[in-house]
C-alpha cells in the first residue's frame, strides 16, 4: 500500500511513489467524513492540506441537519484528505458510496490524466504534488425542501426553528465541521446562532 504520510502537524508530505505496489487513492473530506468515517477504509489520519473546493451548507439531510456539499456558487476553502486503504479506484468509490448510503452517481472520481473536475480547483496539480493517482469525494447535490440550494437566511431560519434532538444534531454537525471549512453560510450561522467550531470532543477551537 502507499507509504504513510508524515505530519503530526496536520499537513502532509509528498507520498513516496517509488514504493507503491498499487495506486495511491485519496478521499477528500469537508464534513462528517472527517470526524465520523465509520467503516470507511482510510489510513491513519486526515491531512489539512487538500485541494481547494467550493462547498457550502446547502443540503437538508437526515437528522434535520444542513450539510456541506459542493456548489459552483460557493467560495473556495481548503479541503482535508486521507489515503484510502483500497486496491483500486472502483473499490474506493464503492467504499465511499457505502459509507454515505447514496447512489454511485453521487460519488465523484478523478484519476491521473483526467481533466480537472468542477468545484475542485486544480485537482490534477494538487494530486501530482502529493503523489496521488486517483481521488474520490462525495458529490451529493444541494437540496432544501422541494427545491435546490437555500439562501443563507433560509438556512439560519430553519436551524433556529429546530428543537430538541433535531436541533442538537444540526448544531453538532455545524460545530464539528473542520474549522478550515470557513464558508460564508457558516459565518452567518455563527453570528446568528453562536454555533462556533468545536473539536470532536465538543471543545471550542
N, C-alpha and C. Protein backbone atom coordinates (compact mmCIF):
# COMPACT_ATOMS: atom_id res chain seq x y z
N UNK A 1 0.86 -1.19 0.00
CA UNK A 1 0.00 0.00 0.00
C UNK A 1 0.89 1.24 0.00
N UNK A 2 0.30 2.35 -0.25
CA UNK A 2 1.10 3.58 -0.33
C UNK A 2 1.83 3.82 0.97
N UNK A 3 3.00 4.38 0.86
CA UNK A 3 3.76 4.72 2.06
C UNK A 3 2.98 5.74 2.87
N UNK A 4 3.04 5.61 4.18
CA UNK A 4 2.28 6.52 5.04
C UNK A 4 2.84 7.92 4.96
N UNK A 5 1.96 8.90 5.07
CA UNK A 5 2.42 10.28 5.06
C UNK A 5 2.74 10.70 6.48
N UNK A 6 3.72 11.58 6.58
CA UNK A 6 4.15 12.05 7.87
C UNK A 6 3.18 13.05 8.40
N UNK A 7 3.62 13.85 9.25
CA UNK A 7 2.89 15.05 9.57
C UNK A 7 1.99 14.93 10.75
N UNK A 8 2.53 15.01 11.89
CA UNK A 8 1.71 15.21 13.07
C UNK A 8 1.26 16.66 13.13
N UNK A 9 1.75 17.50 12.21
CA UNK A 9 1.39 18.92 12.20
C UNK A 9 0.05 19.16 11.56
N UNK A 10 -0.52 18.18 10.90
CA UNK A 10 -1.80 18.40 10.24
C UNK A 10 -1.64 18.68 8.77
N UNK A 11 -0.42 18.68 8.24
CA UNK A 11 -0.22 18.79 6.81
C UNK A 11 0.58 17.59 6.36
N UNK A 12 0.58 17.32 5.06
CA UNK A 12 1.18 16.11 4.55
C UNK A 12 2.51 16.39 3.90
N UNK A 13 3.25 15.33 3.69
CA UNK A 13 4.41 15.37 2.82
C UNK A 13 4.07 14.57 1.58
N UNK A 14 4.79 14.81 0.48
CA UNK A 14 4.54 14.09 -0.75
C UNK A 14 4.74 12.60 -0.51
N UNK A 15 3.82 11.79 -1.01
CA UNK A 15 3.91 10.36 -0.83
C UNK A 15 5.04 9.78 -1.66
N UNK A 16 5.69 8.74 -1.15
CA UNK A 16 6.80 8.09 -1.82
C UNK A 16 6.26 7.11 -2.84
N UNK A 17 6.13 7.57 -4.08
CA UNK A 17 5.53 6.75 -5.12
C UNK A 17 6.41 5.57 -5.51
N UNK A 18 7.71 5.61 -5.22
CA UNK A 18 8.60 4.54 -5.64
C UNK A 18 8.28 3.23 -4.94
N UNK A 19 7.61 3.28 -3.81
CA UNK A 19 7.29 2.07 -3.05
C UNK A 19 5.85 1.61 -3.29
N UNK A 20 5.12 2.29 -4.15
CA UNK A 20 3.73 1.94 -4.35
C UNK A 20 3.57 0.64 -5.13
N UNK A 21 2.86 -0.30 -4.55
CA UNK A 21 2.50 -1.51 -5.27
C UNK A 21 1.15 -1.34 -5.95
N UNK A 22 0.34 -0.46 -5.45
CA UNK A 22 -0.99 -0.18 -6.00
C UNK A 22 -1.15 1.33 -6.07
N UNK A 23 -2.14 1.82 -6.81
CA UNK A 23 -2.32 3.28 -6.89
C UNK A 23 -2.59 3.90 -5.53
N UNK A 24 -2.09 5.10 -5.35
CA UNK A 24 -2.40 5.88 -4.15
C UNK A 24 -3.70 6.64 -4.40
N UNK A 25 -4.73 6.33 -3.62
CA UNK A 25 -6.06 6.90 -3.82
C UNK A 25 -6.41 7.75 -2.60
N UNK A 26 -6.78 8.98 -2.84
CA UNK A 26 -7.16 9.90 -1.76
C UNK A 26 -8.66 10.08 -1.71
N UNK A 27 -9.17 10.25 -0.51
CA UNK A 27 -10.57 10.63 -0.30
C UNK A 27 -10.57 12.05 0.24
N UNK A 28 -11.35 12.92 -0.38
CA UNK A 28 -11.47 14.29 0.10
C UNK A 28 -12.59 14.39 1.13
N UNK A 29 -12.40 15.26 2.11
CA UNK A 29 -13.42 15.45 3.13
C UNK A 29 -13.55 16.90 3.53
N UNK A 30 -14.77 17.27 3.93
CA UNK A 30 -15.02 18.63 4.42
C UNK A 30 -16.11 18.63 5.48
N UNK A 31 -16.79 17.49 5.65
CA UNK A 31 -17.87 17.39 6.62
C UNK A 31 -17.69 16.20 7.55
N UNK A 32 -18.75 15.43 7.74
CA UNK A 32 -18.75 14.38 8.77
C UNK A 32 -17.79 13.23 8.48
N UNK A 33 -17.36 13.06 7.24
CA UNK A 33 -16.36 12.02 6.97
C UNK A 33 -15.13 12.20 7.84
N UNK A 34 -14.79 13.44 8.13
CA UNK A 34 -13.55 13.73 8.84
C UNK A 34 -13.63 13.26 10.30
N UNK A 35 -14.74 13.50 10.97
CA UNK A 35 -14.84 13.11 12.38
C UNK A 35 -15.65 11.83 12.59
N UNK A 36 -16.31 11.35 11.55
CA UNK A 36 -17.12 10.14 11.69
C UNK A 36 -17.00 9.27 10.44
N UNK A 37 -15.79 8.74 10.16
CA UNK A 37 -15.62 7.95 8.93
C UNK A 37 -16.30 6.60 8.98
N UNK A 38 -16.63 6.14 10.20
CA UNK A 38 -17.25 4.82 10.38
C UNK A 38 -16.38 3.73 9.74
N UNK A 39 -16.94 2.97 8.79
CA UNK A 39 -16.20 1.86 8.20
C UNK A 39 -15.42 2.27 6.96
N UNK A 40 -15.34 3.55 6.67
CA UNK A 40 -14.59 3.98 5.50
C UNK A 40 -13.12 3.60 5.67
N UNK A 41 -12.55 2.85 4.74
CA UNK A 41 -11.17 2.37 4.91
C UNK A 41 -10.12 3.42 4.55
N UNK A 42 -9.82 4.27 5.52
CA UNK A 42 -8.78 5.28 5.31
C UNK A 42 -7.61 4.97 6.23
N UNK A 43 -6.41 5.30 5.78
CA UNK A 43 -5.20 5.06 6.55
C UNK A 43 -4.92 6.22 7.51
N UNK A 44 -4.61 5.88 8.74
CA UNK A 44 -4.13 6.84 9.73
C UNK A 44 -5.04 8.04 9.93
N UNK A 45 -4.63 9.21 9.46
CA UNK A 45 -5.33 10.43 9.83
C UNK A 45 -5.73 11.22 8.59
N UNK A 46 -6.51 12.27 8.82
CA UNK A 46 -6.87 13.22 7.77
C UNK A 46 -5.85 14.37 7.77
N UNK A 47 -5.43 14.75 6.59
CA UNK A 47 -4.48 15.83 6.43
C UNK A 47 -5.21 17.10 6.03
N UNK A 48 -4.68 18.23 6.48
CA UNK A 48 -5.39 19.50 6.32
C UNK A 48 -5.05 20.25 5.05
N UNK A 49 -4.20 19.69 4.18
CA UNK A 49 -3.75 20.43 3.01
C UNK A 49 -4.30 19.85 1.71
N UNK A 50 -5.60 19.58 1.70
CA UNK A 50 -6.25 19.09 0.48
C UNK A 50 -6.42 20.20 -0.54
N UNK A 51 -6.96 19.87 -1.71
CA UNK A 51 -7.20 20.89 -2.73
C UNK A 51 -8.32 21.84 -2.30
N UNK A 52 -8.34 23.02 -2.90
CA UNK A 52 -9.44 23.94 -2.63
C UNK A 52 -10.71 23.44 -3.29
N UNK A 53 -11.82 23.52 -2.55
CA UNK A 53 -13.11 23.04 -3.04
C UNK A 53 -14.18 24.11 -2.80
N UNK A 54 -15.18 24.13 -3.65
CA UNK A 54 -16.30 25.05 -3.48
C UNK A 54 -17.42 24.30 -2.78
N UNK A 55 -17.56 24.54 -1.47
CA UNK A 55 -18.58 23.86 -0.68
C UNK A 55 -19.35 24.87 0.16
N UNK A 56 -20.58 24.49 0.51
CA UNK A 56 -21.40 25.34 1.37
C UNK A 56 -22.45 24.48 2.08
N UNK A 57 -23.02 25.01 3.14
CA UNK A 57 -24.09 24.34 3.90
C UNK A 57 -25.40 24.48 3.11
N UNK A 58 -25.65 23.52 2.23
CA UNK A 58 -26.76 23.67 1.28
C UNK A 58 -27.67 22.45 1.17
N UNK A 59 -27.42 21.40 1.95
CA UNK A 59 -28.23 20.20 1.78
C UNK A 59 -28.98 19.84 3.07
N UNK A 60 -30.28 19.78 2.98
CA UNK A 60 -31.12 19.32 4.08
C UNK A 60 -31.03 17.80 4.11
N UNK A 61 -30.40 17.27 5.14
CA UNK A 61 -30.06 15.85 5.19
C UNK A 61 -30.75 15.15 6.35
N UNK A 62 -30.44 13.88 6.51
CA UNK A 62 -31.03 13.08 7.59
C UNK A 62 -30.72 13.72 8.94
N UNK A 63 -31.62 13.51 9.87
CA UNK A 63 -31.43 14.07 11.20
C UNK A 63 -31.61 15.57 11.27
N UNK A 64 -32.29 16.13 10.27
CA UNK A 64 -32.59 17.57 10.23
C UNK A 64 -31.34 18.44 10.16
N UNK A 65 -30.24 17.86 9.70
CA UNK A 65 -29.01 18.64 9.56
C UNK A 65 -28.99 19.38 8.23
N UNK A 66 -28.27 20.48 8.20
CA UNK A 66 -27.91 21.14 6.95
C UNK A 66 -26.44 20.83 6.72
N UNK A 67 -26.13 20.08 5.67
CA UNK A 67 -24.79 19.57 5.48
C UNK A 67 -24.06 20.25 4.33
N UNK A 68 -22.76 20.07 4.32
CA UNK A 68 -21.88 20.68 3.33
C UNK A 68 -21.86 19.88 2.04
N UNK A 69 -22.06 20.56 0.92
CA UNK A 69 -21.98 19.92 -0.39
C UNK A 69 -21.26 20.85 -1.36
N UNK A 70 -20.75 20.27 -2.42
CA UNK A 70 -20.12 21.06 -3.47
C UNK A 70 -21.15 21.92 -4.19
N UNK A 71 -20.76 23.12 -4.57
CA UNK A 71 -21.66 24.01 -5.30
C UNK A 71 -20.83 25.04 -6.05
N UNK A 72 -21.16 25.24 -7.30
CA UNK A 72 -20.37 26.13 -8.15
C UNK A 72 -20.43 27.59 -7.71
N UNK A 73 -21.46 27.96 -6.95
CA UNK A 73 -21.60 29.34 -6.49
C UNK A 73 -20.91 29.61 -5.15
N UNK A 74 -20.38 28.58 -4.54
CA UNK A 74 -19.73 28.72 -3.23
C UNK A 74 -18.32 29.26 -3.38
N UNK A 75 -17.83 29.87 -2.32
CA UNK A 75 -16.44 30.28 -2.29
C UNK A 75 -15.55 29.06 -2.01
N UNK A 76 -14.31 29.13 -2.42
CA UNK A 76 -13.40 28.00 -2.25
C UNK A 76 -12.76 28.00 -0.87
N UNK A 77 -12.69 26.84 -0.26
CA UNK A 77 -12.00 26.63 1.01
C UNK A 77 -11.10 25.41 0.86
N UNK A 78 -10.10 25.29 1.73
CA UNK A 78 -9.21 24.14 1.61
C UNK A 78 -9.82 22.91 2.25
N UNK A 79 -9.87 21.82 1.49
CA UNK A 79 -10.42 20.57 1.97
C UNK A 79 -9.39 19.78 2.78
N UNK A 80 -9.84 18.68 3.35
CA UNK A 80 -8.97 17.72 4.01
C UNK A 80 -8.92 16.46 3.15
N UNK A 81 -7.94 15.60 3.42
CA UNK A 81 -7.85 14.36 2.64
C UNK A 81 -7.19 13.26 3.45
N UNK A 82 -7.50 12.03 3.05
CA UNK A 82 -6.89 10.85 3.68
C UNK A 82 -6.61 9.83 2.59
N UNK A 83 -5.65 8.97 2.84
CA UNK A 83 -5.31 7.91 1.90
C UNK A 83 -6.26 6.74 2.11
N UNK A 84 -6.88 6.29 1.03
CA UNK A 84 -7.79 5.15 1.09
C UNK A 84 -7.01 3.84 1.18
N UNK A 85 -7.48 2.93 1.99
CA UNK A 85 -6.87 1.61 2.12
C UNK A 85 -7.62 0.64 1.20
N UNK A 86 -7.57 0.93 -0.09
CA UNK A 86 -8.23 0.11 -1.10
C UNK A 86 -7.25 -0.13 -2.25
N UNK A 87 -7.51 -1.18 -3.00
CA UNK A 87 -6.58 -1.59 -4.04
C UNK A 87 -6.76 -0.86 -5.36
N UNK A 88 -7.96 -0.32 -5.59
CA UNK A 88 -8.22 0.34 -6.87
C UNK A 88 -9.33 1.37 -6.71
N UNK A 89 -9.52 2.17 -7.76
CA UNK A 89 -10.48 3.27 -7.71
C UNK A 89 -11.92 2.75 -7.58
N UNK A 90 -12.23 1.65 -8.24
CA UNK A 90 -13.58 1.09 -8.15
C UNK A 90 -13.92 0.72 -6.71
N UNK A 91 -12.98 0.09 -6.02
CA UNK A 91 -13.21 -0.29 -4.62
C UNK A 91 -13.34 0.93 -3.73
N UNK A 92 -12.53 1.95 -4.00
CA UNK A 92 -12.60 3.17 -3.20
C UNK A 92 -13.94 3.86 -3.38
N UNK A 93 -14.41 3.93 -4.61
CA UNK A 93 -15.71 4.55 -4.88
C UNK A 93 -16.82 3.81 -4.17
N UNK A 94 -16.81 2.48 -4.22
CA UNK A 94 -17.85 1.70 -3.57
C UNK A 94 -17.79 1.85 -2.05
N UNK A 95 -16.59 1.91 -1.49
CA UNK A 95 -16.46 2.09 -0.04
C UNK A 95 -17.05 3.42 0.40
N UNK A 96 -16.79 4.48 -0.36
CA UNK A 96 -17.35 5.79 -0.01
C UNK A 96 -18.85 5.81 -0.23
N UNK A 97 -19.32 5.18 -1.29
CA UNK A 97 -20.77 5.12 -1.54
C UNK A 97 -21.47 4.42 -0.39
N UNK A 98 -20.89 3.32 0.09
CA UNK A 98 -21.48 2.57 1.19
C UNK A 98 -21.52 3.40 2.46
N UNK A 99 -20.43 4.12 2.75
CA UNK A 99 -20.41 4.96 3.95
C UNK A 99 -21.46 6.06 3.87
N UNK A 100 -21.65 6.65 2.70
CA UNK A 100 -22.60 7.75 2.53
C UNK A 100 -24.03 7.26 2.37
N UNK A 101 -24.22 6.00 2.02
CA UNK A 101 -25.58 5.48 1.80
C UNK A 101 -26.26 6.14 0.62
N UNK A 102 -25.50 6.40 -0.43
CA UNK A 102 -26.04 7.11 -1.59
C UNK A 102 -25.87 6.28 -2.86
N UNK A 103 -26.29 6.81 -3.97
CA UNK A 103 -26.12 6.16 -5.26
C UNK A 103 -24.70 6.33 -5.76
N UNK A 104 -24.27 5.42 -6.61
CA UNK A 104 -22.93 5.51 -7.18
C UNK A 104 -22.74 6.82 -7.94
N UNK A 105 -23.82 7.33 -8.54
CA UNK A 105 -23.74 8.58 -9.30
C UNK A 105 -23.41 9.77 -8.41
N UNK A 106 -23.58 9.63 -7.10
CA UNK A 106 -23.32 10.72 -6.16
C UNK A 106 -21.91 10.66 -5.56
N UNK A 107 -21.06 9.83 -6.13
CA UNK A 107 -19.66 9.77 -5.73
C UNK A 107 -18.82 10.23 -6.92
N UNK A 108 -18.02 11.26 -6.70
CA UNK A 108 -17.15 11.77 -7.75
C UNK A 108 -15.81 11.06 -7.74
N UNK A 109 -15.22 10.93 -8.91
CA UNK A 109 -13.89 10.31 -9.02
C UNK A 109 -13.03 11.08 -10.01
N UNK A 110 -11.76 10.97 -9.81
CA UNK A 110 -10.76 11.53 -10.73
C UNK A 110 -9.57 10.60 -10.73
N UNK A 111 -8.93 10.43 -11.89
CA UNK A 111 -7.71 9.65 -11.97
C UNK A 111 -6.68 10.40 -12.79
N UNK A 112 -5.44 10.05 -12.58
CA UNK A 112 -4.33 10.75 -13.24
C UNK A 112 -4.51 10.75 -14.75
N UNK A 113 -4.35 11.92 -15.35
CA UNK A 113 -4.54 12.07 -16.78
C UNK A 113 -5.89 12.62 -17.17
N UNK A 114 -6.83 12.66 -16.21
CA UNK A 114 -8.17 13.19 -16.47
C UNK A 114 -8.18 14.71 -16.29
N UNK A 115 -9.22 15.34 -16.83
CA UNK A 115 -9.37 16.78 -16.70
C UNK A 115 -9.77 17.17 -15.29
N UNK A 116 -9.59 18.43 -14.97
CA UNK A 116 -10.00 18.96 -13.67
C UNK A 116 -11.51 18.89 -13.53
N UNK A 117 -12.03 18.32 -12.44
CA UNK A 117 -13.49 18.25 -12.24
C UNK A 117 -14.05 19.58 -11.77
N UNK A 118 -15.35 19.78 -11.91
CA UNK A 118 -15.96 21.03 -11.41
C UNK A 118 -15.83 21.13 -9.89
N UNK A 119 -15.66 22.34 -9.42
CA UNK A 119 -15.73 22.68 -7.99
C UNK A 119 -14.56 22.17 -7.14
N UNK A 120 -13.58 21.55 -7.77
CA UNK A 120 -12.36 21.13 -7.06
C UNK A 120 -11.21 21.75 -7.83
N UNK A 121 -10.62 22.77 -7.27
CA UNK A 121 -9.72 23.65 -8.00
C UNK A 121 -8.33 23.04 -8.14
N UNK A 122 -7.86 22.99 -9.38
CA UNK A 122 -6.52 22.50 -9.70
C UNK A 122 -6.24 21.13 -9.07
N UNK A 123 -7.22 20.23 -9.15
CA UNK A 123 -7.02 18.89 -8.60
C UNK A 123 -5.85 18.15 -9.25
N UNK A 124 -5.70 18.18 -10.58
CA UNK A 124 -4.55 17.46 -11.15
C UNK A 124 -3.21 17.94 -10.62
N UNK A 125 -3.07 19.26 -10.46
CA UNK A 125 -1.81 19.80 -9.94
C UNK A 125 -1.60 19.38 -8.49
N UNK A 126 -2.67 19.45 -7.71
CA UNK A 126 -2.56 19.04 -6.30
C UNK A 126 -2.17 17.57 -6.20
N UNK A 127 -2.83 16.72 -6.98
CA UNK A 127 -2.53 15.28 -6.93
C UNK A 127 -1.09 15.01 -7.32
N UNK A 128 -0.61 15.69 -8.36
CA UNK A 128 0.76 15.50 -8.78
C UNK A 128 1.75 15.88 -7.71
N UNK A 129 1.47 16.96 -7.00
CA UNK A 129 2.37 17.43 -5.95
C UNK A 129 2.38 16.53 -4.73
N UNK A 130 1.32 15.72 -4.56
CA UNK A 130 1.20 14.87 -3.38
C UNK A 130 1.36 13.39 -3.70
N UNK A 131 1.72 13.06 -4.92
CA UNK A 131 1.92 11.66 -5.27
C UNK A 131 0.64 10.85 -5.26
N UNK A 132 -0.48 11.49 -5.59
CA UNK A 132 -1.79 10.83 -5.58
C UNK A 132 -2.18 10.45 -7.01
N UNK A 133 -2.64 9.21 -7.19
CA UNK A 133 -3.00 8.72 -8.52
C UNK A 133 -4.49 8.88 -8.84
N UNK A 134 -5.33 8.85 -7.82
CA UNK A 134 -6.77 8.93 -8.02
C UNK A 134 -7.42 9.52 -6.77
N UNK A 135 -8.62 10.07 -6.95
CA UNK A 135 -9.31 10.76 -5.86
C UNK A 135 -10.80 10.41 -5.90
N UNK A 136 -11.40 10.27 -4.73
CA UNK A 136 -12.85 10.11 -4.61
C UNK A 136 -13.39 11.17 -3.67
N UNK A 137 -14.66 11.54 -3.87
CA UNK A 137 -15.30 12.51 -2.99
C UNK A 137 -16.81 12.36 -3.09
N UNK A 138 -17.52 12.88 -2.11
CA UNK A 138 -18.97 12.87 -2.10
C UNK A 138 -19.48 14.01 -2.98
N UNK A 139 -20.40 13.68 -3.87
CA UNK A 139 -20.90 14.67 -4.84
C UNK A 139 -22.42 14.81 -4.78
N UNK A 140 -22.96 14.72 -3.57
CA UNK A 140 -24.40 14.94 -3.41
C UNK A 140 -24.75 16.38 -3.75
N UNK A 141 -25.93 16.62 -4.33
CA UNK A 141 -26.30 17.99 -4.71
C UNK A 141 -26.94 18.76 -3.55
N UNK A 142 -27.04 20.05 -3.74
CA UNK A 142 -27.80 20.90 -2.81
C UNK A 142 -29.27 20.47 -2.81
N UNK A 143 -29.92 20.61 -1.66
CA UNK A 143 -31.34 20.25 -1.54
C UNK A 143 -31.92 20.93 -0.32
N UNK A 144 -33.06 21.59 -0.50
CA UNK A 144 -33.72 22.23 0.63
C UNK A 144 -35.21 22.20 0.37
N UNK A 145 -35.95 21.48 1.22
CA UNK A 145 -37.37 21.29 0.95
C UNK A 145 -37.55 20.56 -0.36
N UNK A 146 -38.37 21.12 -1.23
CA UNK A 146 -38.58 20.53 -2.55
C UNK A 146 -37.75 21.19 -3.64
N UNK A 147 -36.81 22.05 -3.21
CA UNK A 147 -36.04 22.79 -4.19
C UNK A 147 -34.55 22.53 -4.10
N UNK A 148 -33.78 23.42 -4.66
CA UNK A 148 -32.33 23.30 -4.70
C UNK A 148 -31.67 24.04 -3.56
N UNK A 149 -30.68 24.85 -3.90
CA UNK A 149 -29.87 25.50 -2.87
C UNK A 149 -30.66 26.58 -2.12
N UNK A 150 -30.61 26.55 -0.78
CA UNK A 150 -31.24 27.61 0.02
C UNK A 150 -30.35 28.82 0.14
N UNK A 151 -30.94 29.94 0.52
CA UNK A 151 -30.16 31.13 0.85
C UNK A 151 -29.62 30.99 2.28
N UNK A 152 -28.68 31.84 2.63
CA UNK A 152 -28.15 31.83 3.99
C UNK A 152 -29.26 32.13 5.01
N UNK A 153 -30.14 33.06 4.69
CA UNK A 153 -31.24 33.39 5.61
C UNK A 153 -32.16 32.20 5.80
N UNK A 154 -32.43 31.47 4.74
CA UNK A 154 -33.28 30.28 4.86
C UNK A 154 -32.63 29.23 5.76
N UNK A 155 -31.34 29.05 5.62
CA UNK A 155 -30.64 28.07 6.45
C UNK A 155 -30.68 28.49 7.92
N UNK A 156 -30.39 29.74 8.19
CA UNK A 156 -30.40 30.22 9.58
C UNK A 156 -31.80 30.10 10.18
N UNK A 157 -32.82 30.51 9.44
CA UNK A 157 -34.19 30.43 9.95
C UNK A 157 -34.59 28.98 10.23
N UNK A 158 -34.20 28.08 9.34
CA UNK A 158 -34.51 26.65 9.51
C UNK A 158 -33.83 26.11 10.77
N UNK A 159 -32.56 26.39 10.93
CA UNK A 159 -31.82 25.89 12.10
C UNK A 159 -32.34 26.50 13.39
N UNK A 160 -32.69 27.76 13.36
CA UNK A 160 -33.21 28.44 14.55
C UNK A 160 -34.53 27.82 15.02
N UNK A 161 -35.32 27.34 14.10
CA UNK A 161 -36.64 26.80 14.44
C UNK A 161 -36.59 25.37 14.98
N UNK A 162 -35.46 24.69 14.84
CA UNK A 162 -35.36 23.31 15.31
C UNK A 162 -35.41 23.25 16.83
N UNK A 163 -35.91 22.14 17.34
CA UNK A 163 -36.00 21.93 18.78
C UNK A 163 -35.53 20.52 19.15
N UNK A 164 -35.12 20.34 20.39
CA UNK A 164 -34.80 19.02 20.91
C UNK A 164 -33.65 18.35 20.19
N UNK A 165 -33.81 17.02 19.96
CA UNK A 165 -32.75 16.23 19.36
C UNK A 165 -32.40 16.71 17.95
N UNK A 166 -33.42 17.18 17.22
CA UNK A 166 -33.16 17.68 15.87
C UNK A 166 -32.20 18.86 15.91
N UNK A 167 -32.42 19.77 16.83
CA UNK A 167 -31.52 20.93 16.95
C UNK A 167 -30.13 20.49 17.39
N UNK A 168 -30.07 19.55 18.34
CA UNK A 168 -28.78 19.06 18.80
C UNK A 168 -27.97 18.45 17.65
N UNK A 169 -28.63 17.65 16.81
CA UNK A 169 -27.95 17.01 15.69
C UNK A 169 -27.43 18.05 14.70
N UNK A 170 -28.29 19.00 14.39
CA UNK A 170 -27.91 20.04 13.43
C UNK A 170 -26.77 20.90 13.97
N UNK A 171 -26.85 21.24 15.24
CA UNK A 171 -25.81 22.07 15.84
C UNK A 171 -24.47 21.33 15.89
N UNK A 172 -24.53 20.05 16.24
CA UNK A 172 -23.29 19.26 16.33
C UNK A 172 -22.59 19.20 14.97
N UNK A 173 -23.36 19.05 13.90
CA UNK A 173 -22.74 18.98 12.57
C UNK A 173 -22.02 20.29 12.25
N UNK A 174 -22.68 21.39 12.46
CA UNK A 174 -22.07 22.69 12.15
C UNK A 174 -20.82 22.90 13.00
N UNK A 175 -20.91 22.62 14.28
CA UNK A 175 -19.78 22.86 15.18
C UNK A 175 -18.60 21.96 14.85
N UNK A 176 -18.87 20.70 14.47
CA UNK A 176 -17.79 19.74 14.24
C UNK A 176 -17.17 19.84 12.85
N UNK A 177 -17.82 20.52 11.95
CA UNK A 177 -17.20 20.72 10.64
C UNK A 177 -15.82 21.33 10.85
N UNK A 178 -14.79 20.83 10.17
CA UNK A 178 -13.44 21.35 10.39
C UNK A 178 -13.39 22.88 10.30
N UNK A 179 -12.65 23.48 11.20
CA UNK A 179 -12.64 24.94 11.29
C UNK A 179 -12.20 25.59 9.99
N UNK A 180 -11.34 24.91 9.22
CA UNK A 180 -10.85 25.49 7.98
C UNK A 180 -11.94 25.57 6.91
N UNK A 181 -13.06 24.88 7.12
CA UNK A 181 -14.19 24.98 6.18
C UNK A 181 -14.98 26.23 6.57
N UNK A 182 -14.36 27.36 6.31
CA UNK A 182 -14.87 28.65 6.77
C UNK A 182 -15.69 29.30 5.65
N UNK A 183 -16.93 28.87 5.51
CA UNK A 183 -17.78 29.35 4.42
C UNK A 183 -18.59 30.57 4.85
N UNK A 184 -19.19 31.23 3.89
CA UNK A 184 -19.99 32.42 4.20
C UNK A 184 -21.23 32.04 5.00
N UNK A 185 -21.87 30.92 4.68
CA UNK A 185 -23.05 30.49 5.45
C UNK A 185 -22.64 30.14 6.88
N UNK A 186 -21.48 29.51 7.03
CA UNK A 186 -21.03 29.18 8.39
C UNK A 186 -20.83 30.43 9.22
N UNK A 187 -20.25 31.45 8.64
CA UNK A 187 -20.06 32.69 9.38
C UNK A 187 -21.41 33.31 9.75
N UNK A 188 -22.40 33.18 8.87
CA UNK A 188 -23.74 33.70 9.18
C UNK A 188 -24.37 32.90 10.32
N UNK A 189 -24.21 31.58 10.28
CA UNK A 189 -24.75 30.72 11.35
C UNK A 189 -24.09 31.05 12.69
N UNK A 190 -22.78 31.24 12.67
CA UNK A 190 -22.08 31.59 13.90
C UNK A 190 -22.55 32.93 14.46
N UNK A 191 -22.76 33.90 13.56
CA UNK A 191 -23.18 35.22 14.00
C UNK A 191 -24.59 35.20 14.58
N UNK A 192 -25.49 34.45 13.97
CA UNK A 192 -26.89 34.46 14.38
C UNK A 192 -27.20 33.47 15.49
N UNK A 193 -26.53 32.32 15.49
CA UNK A 193 -26.87 31.26 16.46
C UNK A 193 -25.76 30.96 17.45
N UNK A 194 -24.58 31.50 17.22
CA UNK A 194 -23.47 31.26 18.14
C UNK A 194 -22.86 29.88 18.05
N UNK A 195 -23.08 29.18 16.92
CA UNK A 195 -22.57 27.81 16.78
C UNK A 195 -21.14 27.85 16.24
N UNK A 196 -20.19 28.13 17.11
CA UNK A 196 -18.80 28.21 16.70
C UNK A 196 -18.18 26.81 16.62
N UNK A 197 -17.02 26.73 15.99
CA UNK A 197 -16.39 25.44 15.75
C UNK A 197 -15.95 24.77 17.05
N UNK A 198 -16.21 23.45 17.13
CA UNK A 198 -15.77 22.61 18.23
C UNK A 198 -14.97 21.44 17.67
N UNK A 199 -14.11 20.85 18.49
CA UNK A 199 -13.45 19.62 18.07
C UNK A 199 -14.36 18.44 18.32
N UNK A 200 -13.87 17.23 17.99
CA UNK A 200 -14.70 16.01 18.11
C UNK A 200 -15.12 15.73 19.54
N UNK A 201 -14.39 16.30 20.52
CA UNK A 201 -14.74 16.11 21.93
C UNK A 201 -15.70 17.17 22.45
N UNK A 202 -16.08 18.11 21.58
CA UNK A 202 -17.01 19.14 21.99
C UNK A 202 -16.36 20.38 22.58
N UNK A 203 -15.03 20.48 22.44
CA UNK A 203 -14.33 21.64 22.97
C UNK A 203 -14.21 22.72 21.92
N UNK A 204 -14.38 23.98 22.33
CA UNK A 204 -14.27 25.10 21.40
C UNK A 204 -12.85 25.17 20.85
N UNK A 205 -12.75 25.54 19.56
CA UNK A 205 -11.43 25.67 18.94
C UNK A 205 -11.37 27.01 18.19
